[in-house]
Amino acid sequence: MGALVSGKLHGRCRALHWDEPLHLYRCGMVSQPATMLPWLPSWCAGAVSRLARRWISAASGCDAWLEPERKA
């Protein structure tokens, strides 16, 4: 999914974003697909979100490699 959204095979996926209130990373294709794909008609955003959830879980979740840093 990240390669499709970001257009690259290495590096940070542009859909991955930090959700400060929940203190976790979220996939923008799940939480806000219309922001990730501005050309997307609003009526199909829910279907794209559900499809993104399915694609992500198909391979056991987001494959981003992250090492969180602790705030001092």
PDB file of N, CA and C in Angstrom:
ATOM      1  N   MET A   1       0.825  -1.184   0.000  1.00  0.00           N
ATOM      2  CA  MET A   1       0.000   0.000   0.000  1.00  0.00           C
ATOM      3  C   MET A   1       0.870   1.249   0.000  1.00  0.00           C
ATOM      4  N   GLY A   2       1.920   1.243   0.824  1.00  0.00           N
ATOM      5  CA  GLY A   2       2.787   2.415   0.895  1.00  0.00           C
ATOM      6  C   GLY A   2       3.445   2.747  -0.420  1.00  0.00           C
ATOM      7  N   ALA A   3       3.829   1.718  -1.178  1.00  0.00           N
ATOM      8  CA  ALA A   3       4.455   1.947  -2.482  1.00  0.00           C
ATOM      9  C   ALA A   3       3.463   2.597  -3.448  1.00  0.00           C
ATOM     10  N   LEU A   4       2.212   2.210  -3.368  1.00  0.00           N
ATOM     11  CA  LEU A   4       1.196   2.808  -4.235  1.00  0.00           C
ATOM     12  C   LEU A   4       0.925   4.261  -3.866  1.00  0.00           C
ATOM     13  N   VAL A   5       0.838   4.523  -2.575  1.00  0.00           N
ATOM     14  CA  VAL A   5       0.512   5.878  -2.107  1.00  0.00           C
ATOM     15  C   VAL A   5       1.693   6.828  -2.262  1.00  0.00           C
ATOM     16  N   SER A   6       2.888   6.338  -1.903  1.00  0.00           N
ATOM     17  CA  SER A   6       4.073   7.192  -1.925  1.00  0.00           C
ATOM     18  C   SER A   6       4.790   7.212  -3.261  1.00  0.00           C
ATOM     19  N   GLY A   7       4.578   6.179  -4.058  1.00  0.00           N
ATOM     20  CA  GLY A   7       5.277   6.111  -5.333  1.00  0.00           C
ATOM     21  C   GLY A   7       6.736   5.743  -5.201  1.00  0.00           C
ATOM     22  N   LYS A   8       7.113   5.096  -4.084  1.00  0.00           N
ATOM     23  CA  LYS A   8       8.498   4.684  -3.880  1.00  0.00           C
ATOM     24  C   LYS A   8       8.532   3.404  -3.058  1.00  0.00           C
ATOM     25  N   LEU A   9       9.619   2.658  -3.174  1.00  0.00           N
ATOM     26  CA  LEU A   9       9.752   1.397  -2.456  1.00  0.00           C
ATOM     27  C   LEU A   9      10.548   1.517  -1.168  1.00  0.00           C
ATOM     28  N   HIS A  10      11.269   2.597  -1.002  1.00  0.00           N
ATOM     29  CA  HIS A  10      12.084   2.797   0.204  1.00  0.00           C
ATOM     30  C   HIS A  10      11.755   4.148   0.813  1.00  0.00           C
ATOM     31  N   GLY A  11      11.964   4.235   2.098  1.00  0.00           N
ATOM     32  CA  GLY A  11      11.712   5.491   2.787  1.00  0.00           C
ATOM     33  C   GLY A  11      10.322   5.529   3.402  1.00  0.00           C
ATOM     34  N   ARG A  12      10.058   6.615   4.057  1.00  0.00           N
ATOM     35  CA  ARG A  12       8.804   6.794   4.782  1.00  0.00           C
ATOM     36  C   ARG A  12       7.619   6.879   3.831  1.00  0.00           C
ATOM     37  N   CYS A  13       6.563   6.170   4.179  1.00  0.00           N
ATOM     38  CA  CYS A  13       5.315   6.254   3.424  1.00  0.00           C
ATOM     39  C   CYS A  13       4.660   7.595   3.743  1.00  0.00           C
ATOM     40  N   ARG A  14       4.226   8.291   2.736  1.00  0.00           N
ATOM     41  CA  ARG A  14       3.633   9.616   2.993  1.00  0.00           C
ATOM     42  C   ARG A  14       2.275   9.517   3.677  1.00  0.00           C
ATOM     43  N   ALA A  15       1.682   8.323   3.700  1.00  0.00           N
ATOM     44  CA  ALA A  15       0.381   8.153   4.363  1.00  0.00           C
ATOM     45  C   ALA A  15       0.521   7.946   5.872  1.00  0.00           C
ATOM     46  N   LEU A  16       1.709   7.587   6.328  1.00  0.00           N
ATOM     47  CA  LEU A  16       1.921   7.331   7.750  1.00  0.00           C
ATOM     48  C   LEU A  16       2.028   8.655   8.503  1.00  0.00           C
ATOM     49  N   HIS A  17       1.193   8.842   9.510  1.00  0.00           N
ATOM     50  CA  HIS A  17       1.233  10.092  10.271  1.00  0.00           C
ATOM     51  C   HIS A  17       1.019   9.810  11.762  1.00  0.00           C
ATOM     52  N   TRP A  18       1.524  10.726  12.572  1.00  0.00           N
ATOM     53  CA  TRP A  18       1.444  10.619  14.028  1.00  0.00           C
ATOM     54  C   TRP A  18       0.129  11.222  14.508  1.00  0.00           C
ATOM     55  N   ASP A  19      -0.604  10.450  15.319  1.00  0.00           N
ATOM     56  CA  ASP A  19      -1.850  10.923  15.921  1.00  0.00           C
ATOM     57  C   ASP A  19      -1.518  11.298  17.365  1.00  0.00           C
ATOM     58  N   GLU A  20      -1.318  12.580  17.585  1.00  0.00           N
ATOM     59  CA  GLU A  20      -0.875  13.058  18.906  1.00  0.00           C
ATOM     60  C   GLU A  20      -1.842  12.705  20.035  1.00  0.00           C
ATOM     61  N   PRO A  21      -3.149  12.932  19.904  1.00  0.00           N
ATOM     62  CA  PRO A  21      -4.048  12.600  21.018  1.00  0.00           C
ATOM     63  C   PRO A  21      -4.010  11.118  21.413  1.00  0.00           C
ATOM     64  N   LEU A  22      -3.811  10.229  20.446  1.00  0.00           N
ATOM     65  CA  LEU A  22      -3.790   8.788  20.742  1.00  0.00           C
ATOM     66  C   LEU A  22      -2.382   8.248  20.939  1.00  0.00           C
ATOM     67  N   HIS A  23      -1.367   9.070  20.654  1.00  0.00           N
ATOM     68  CA  HIS A  23       0.043   8.682  20.774  1.00  0.00           C
ATOM     69  C   HIS A  23       0.360   7.413  19.992  1.00  0.00           C
ATOM     70  N   LEU A  24      -0.012   7.429  18.713  1.00  0.00           N
ATOM     71  CA  LEU A  24       0.321   6.300  17.844  1.00  0.00           C
ATOM     72  C   LEU A  24       0.324   6.745  16.391  1.00  0.00           C
ATOM     73  N   TYR A  25       0.969   5.921  15.576  1.00  0.00           N
ATOM     74  CA  TYR A  25       0.988   6.197  14.143  1.00  0.00           C
ATOM     75  C   TYR A  25      -0.266   5.646  13.507  1.00  0.00           C
ATOM     76  N   ARG A  26      -0.758   6.347  12.502  1.00  0.00           N
ATOM     77  CA  ARG A  26      -1.950   5.935  11.770  1.00  0.00           C
ATOM     78  C   ARG A  26      -1.635   5.933  10.276  1.00  0.00           C
ATOM     79  N   CYS A  27      -2.334   5.078   9.562  1.00  0.00           N
ATOM     80  CA  CYS A  27      -2.253   5.075   8.109  1.00  0.00           C
ATOM     81  C   CYS A  27      -3.321   6.028   7.584  1.00  0.00           C
ATOM     82  N   GLY A  28      -2.913   7.029   6.834  1.00  0.00           N
ATOM     83  CA  GLY A  28      -3.844   7.996   6.280  1.00  0.00           C
ATOM     84  C   GLY A  28      -4.817   7.380   5.293  1.00  0.00           C
ATOM     85  N   MET A  29      -4.447   6.270   4.677  1.00  0.00           N
ATOM     86  CA  MET A  29      -5.366   5.605   3.751  1.00  0.00           C
ATOM     87  C   MET A  29      -6.537   4.987   4.501  1.00  0.00           C
ATOM     88  N   VAL A  30      -6.358   4.716   5.771  1.00  0.00           N
ATOM     89  CA  VAL A  30      -7.446   4.192   6.599  1.00  0.00           C
ATOM     90  C   VAL A  30      -8.200   5.338   7.264  1.00  0.00           C
ATOM     91  N   SER A  31      -7.478   6.268   7.883  1.00  0.00           N
ATOM     92  CA  SER A  31      -8.124   7.309   8.679  1.00  0.00           C
ATOM     93  C   SER A  31      -8.637   8.502   7.866  1.00  0.00           C
ATOM     94  N   GLN A  32      -7.992   8.821   6.742  1.00  0.00           N
ATOM     95  CA  GLN A  32      -8.399   9.984   5.951  1.00  0.00           C
ATOM     96  C   GLN A  32      -8.015   9.803   4.477  1.00  0.00           C
ATOM     97  N   PRO A  33      -8.632   8.845   3.799  1.00  0.00           N
ATOM     98  CA  PRO A  33      -8.251   8.561   2.412  1.00  0.00           C
ATOM     99  C   PRO A  33      -8.434   9.738   1.453  1.00  0.00           C
ATOM    100  N   ALA A  34      -9.399  10.593   1.691  1.00  0.00           N
ATOM    101  CA  ALA A  34      -9.615  11.743   0.808  1.00  0.00           C
ATOM    102  C   ALA A  34      -8.454  12.734   0.880  1.00  0.00           C
ATOM    103  N   THR A  35      -7.764  12.788   2.009  1.00  0.00           N
ATOM    104  CA  THR A  35      -6.595  13.660   2.137  1.00  0.00           C
ATOM    105  C   THR A  35      -5.414  13.075   1.368  1.00  0.00           C
ATOM    106  N   MET A  36      -5.279  11.764   1.402  1.00  0.00           N
ATOM    107  CA  MET A  36      -4.189  11.093   0.702  1.00  0.00           C
ATOM    108  C   MET A  36      -4.401  11.095  -0.811  1.00  0.00           C
ATOM    109  N   LEU A  37      -5.648  10.987  -1.228  1.00  0.00           N
ATOM    110  CA  LEU A  37      -6.002  10.954  -2.648  1.00  0.00           C
ATOM    111  C   LEU A  37      -7.010  12.070  -2.920  1.00  0.00           C
ATOM    112  N   PRO A  38      -6.533  13.297  -3.145  1.00  0.00           N
ATOM    113  CA  PRO A  38      -7.439  14.447  -3.295  1.00  0.00           C
ATOM    114  C   PRO A  38      -8.437  14.303  -4.448  1.00  0.00           C
ATOM    115  N   TRP A  39      -8.122  13.514  -5.435  1.00  0.00           N
ATOM    116  CA  TRP A  39      -9.012  13.319  -6.573  1.00  0.00           C
ATOM    117  C   TRP A  39     -10.138  12.338  -6.262  1.00  0.00           C
ATOM    118  N   LEU A  40     -10.084  11.693  -5.106  1.00  0.00           N
ATOM    119  CA  LEU A  40     -11.053  10.673  -4.724  1.00  0.00           C
ATOM    120  C   LEU A  40     -12.430  11.294  -4.474  1.00  0.00           C
ATOM    121  N   PRO A  41     -13.473  10.787  -5.124  1.00  0.00           N
ATOM    122  CA  PRO A  41     -14.822  11.295  -4.834  1.00  0.00           C
ATOM    123  C   PRO A  41     -15.197  11.014  -3.375  1.00  0.00           C
ATOM    124  N   SER A  42     -15.815  11.959  -2.712  1.00  0.00           N
ATOM    125  CA  SER A  42     -16.121  11.823  -1.282  1.00  0.00           C
ATOM    126  C   SER A  42     -17.023  10.627  -0.992  1.00  0.00           C
ATOM    127  N   TRP A  43     -17.865  10.253  -1.936  1.00  0.00           N
ATOM    128  CA  TRP A  43     -18.797   9.154  -1.699  1.00  0.00           C
ATOM    129  C   TRP A  43     -18.108   7.792  -1.603  1.00  0.00           C
ATOM    130  N   CYS A  44     -16.863   7.685  -2.059  1.00  0.00           N
ATOM    131  CA  CYS A  44     -16.205   6.373  -1.991  1.00  0.00           C
ATOM    132  C   CYS A  44     -15.082   6.315  -0.959  1.00  0.00           C
ATOM    133  N   ALA A  45     -14.923   7.363  -0.142  1.00  0.00           N
ATOM    134  CA  ALA A  45     -13.864   7.377   0.869  1.00  0.00           C
ATOM    135  C   ALA A  45     -14.014   6.235   1.871  1.00  0.00           C
ATOM    136  N   GLY A  46     -15.236   5.930   2.279  1.00  0.00           N
ATOM    137  CA  GLY A  46     -15.459   4.835   3.225  1.00  0.00           C
ATOM    138  C   GLY A  46     -15.041   3.492   2.660  1.00  0.00           C
ATOM    139  N   ALA A  47     -15.349   3.262   1.398  1.00  0.00           N
ATOM    140  CA  ALA A  47     -14.965   2.000   0.751  1.00  0.00           C
ATOM    141  C   ALA A  47     -13.449   1.896   0.621  1.00  0.00           C
ATOM    142  N   VAL A  48     -12.782   3.000   0.294  1.00  0.00           N
ATOM    143  CA  VAL A  48     -11.321   2.996   0.180  1.00  0.00           C
ATOM    144  C   VAL A  48     -10.697   2.720   1.546  1.00  0.00           C
ATOM    145  N   SER A  49     -11.242   3.306   2.598  1.00  0.00           N
ATOM    146  CA  SER A  49     -10.744   3.067   3.947  1.00  0.00           C
ATOM    147  C   SER A  49     -10.870   1.587   4.318  1.00  0.00           C
ATOM    148  N   ARG A  50     -12.020   0.993   4.038  1.00  0.00           N
ATOM    149  CA  ARG A  50     -12.212  -0.432   4.342  1.00  0.00           C
ATOM    150  C   ARG A  50     -11.262  -1.303   3.527  1.00  0.00           C
ATOM    151  N   LEU A  51     -11.070  -0.962   2.267  1.00  0.00           N
ATOM    152  CA  LEU A  51     -10.159  -1.710   1.414  1.00  0.00           C
ATOM    153  C   LEU A  51      -8.721  -1.584   1.922  1.00  0.00           C
ATOM    154  N   ALA A  52      -8.333  -0.380   2.344  1.00  0.00           N
ATOM    155  CA  ALA A  52      -6.986  -0.174   2.887  1.00  0.00           C
ATOM    156  C   ALA A  52      -6.786  -1.012   4.148  1.00  0.00           C
ATOM    157  N   ARG A  53      -7.786  -1.071   5.022  1.00  0.00           N
ATOM    158  CA  ARG A  53      -7.686  -1.914   6.232  1.00  0.00           C
ATOM    159  C   ARG A  53      -7.458  -3.365   5.850  1.00  0.00           C
ATOM    160  N   ARG A  54      -8.177  -3.814   4.838  1.00  0.00           N
ATOM    161  CA  ARG A  54      -8.047  -5.206   4.404  1.00  0.00           C
ATOM    162  C   ARG A  54      -6.662  -5.473   3.815  1.00  0.00           C
ATOM    163  N   TRP A  55      -6.174  -4.554   2.961  1.00  0.00           N
ATOM    164  CA  TRP A  55      -4.854  -4.741   2.363  1.00  0.00           C
ATOM    165  C   TRP A  55      -3.755  -4.730   3.411  1.00  0.00           C
ATOM    166  N   ILE A  56      -3.872  -3.839   4.384  1.00  0.00           N
ATOM    167  CA  ILE A  56      -2.857  -3.762   5.437  1.00  0.00           C
ATOM    168  C   ILE A  56      -2.839  -5.049   6.247  1.00  0.00           C
ATOM    169  N   SER A  57      -3.994  -5.540   6.634  1.00  0.00           N
ATOM    170  CA  SER A  57      -4.029  -6.743   7.460  1.00  0.00           C
ATOM    171  C   SER A  57      -3.707  -8.004   6.675  1.00  0.00           C
ATOM    172  N   ALA A  58      -3.773  -7.945   5.363  1.00  0.00           N
ATOM    173  CA  ALA A  58      -3.470  -9.123   4.544  1.00  0.00           C
ATOM    174  C   ALA A  58      -2.045  -9.608   4.767  1.00  0.00           C
ATOM    175  N   ALA A  59      -1.138  -8.702   5.055  1.00  0.00           N
ATOM    176  CA  ALA A  59       0.259  -9.080   5.280  1.00  0.00           C
ATOM    177  C   ALA A  59       0.670  -8.833   6.728  1.00  0.00           C
ATOM    178  N   SER A  60      -0.259  -8.887   7.639  1.00  0.00           N
ATOM    179  CA  SER A  60      -0.065  -8.762   9.093  1.00  0.00           C
ATOM    180  C   SER A  60       0.186  -7.340   9.580  1.00  0.00           C
ATOM    181  N   GLY A  61      -0.229  -6.346   8.852  1.00  0.00           N
ATOM    182  CA  GLY A  61      -0.145  -4.976   9.333  1.00  0.00           C
ATOM    183  C   GLY A  61       0.817  -4.122   8.539  1.00  0.00           C
ATOM    184  N   CYS A  62       0.915  -2.896   8.940  1.00  0.00           N
ATOM    185  CA  CYS A  62       1.821  -1.953   8.291  1.00  0.00           C
ATOM    186  C   CYS A  62       3.238  -2.481   8.424  1.00  0.00           C
ATOM    187  N   ASP A  63       4.016  -2.423   7.354  1.00  0.00           N
ATOM    188  CA  ASP A  63       5.372  -2.960   7.392  1.00  0.00           C
ATOM    189  C   ASP A  63       6.420  -1.879   7.633  1.00  0.00           C
ATOM    190  N   ALA A  64       5.995  -0.723   8.121  1.00  0.00           N
ATOM    191  CA  ALA A  64       6.952   0.341   8.420  1.00  0.00           C
ATOM    192  C   ALA A  64       7.844  -0.075   9.576  1.00  0.00           C
ATOM    193  N   TRP A  65       9.115   0.223   9.471  1.00  0.00           N
ATOM    194  CA  TRP A  65      10.067  -0.080  10.529  1.00  0.00           C
ATOM    195  C   TRP A  65      10.332   1.201  11.286  1.00  0.00           C
ATOM    196  N   LEU A  66       9.840   1.263  12.508  1.00  0.00           N
ATOM    197  CA  LEU A  66       9.963   2.466  13.320  1.00  0.00           C
ATOM    198  C   LEU A  66      10.631   2.149  14.637  1.00  0.00           C
ATOM    199  N   GLU A  67      11.466   3.058  15.081  1.00  0.00           N
ATOM    200  CA  GLU A  67      12.044   2.968  16.404  1.00  0.00           C
ATOM    201  C   GLU A  67      11.649   4.238  17.145  1.00  0.00           C
ATOM    202  N   PRO A  68      10.689   4.140  18.065  1.00  0.00           N
ATOM    203  CA  PRO A  68      10.233   5.343  18.764  1.00  0.00           C
ATOM    204  C   PRO A  68      11.325   5.916  19.661  1.00  0.00           C
ATOM    205  N   GLU A  69      11.356   7.218  19.762  1.00  0.00           N
ATOM    206  CA  GLU A  69      12.283   7.880  20.657  1.00  0.00           C
ATOM    207  C   GLU A  69      11.529   8.315  21.894  1.00  0.00           C
ATOM    208  N   ARG A  70      12.137   8.141  23.020  1.00  0.00           N
ATOM    209  CA  ARG A  70      11.515   8.577  24.275  1.00  0.00           C
ATOM    210  C   ARG A  70      11.766  10.065  24.476  1.00  0.00           C
ATOM    211  N   LYS A  71      10.723  10.761  24.914  1.00  0.00           N
ATOM    212  CA  LYS A  71      10.892  12.179  25.231  1.00  0.00           C
ATOM    213  C   LYS A  71      11.584  12.282  26.581  1.00  0.00           C
ATOM    214  N   ALA A  72      12.506  13.199  26.653  1.00  0.00           N
ATOM    215  CA  ALA A  72      13.261  13.374  27.906  1.00  0.00           C
ATOM    216  C   ALA A  72      12.492  14.204  28.895  1.00  0.00           C
TER     217      ALA A  72
END
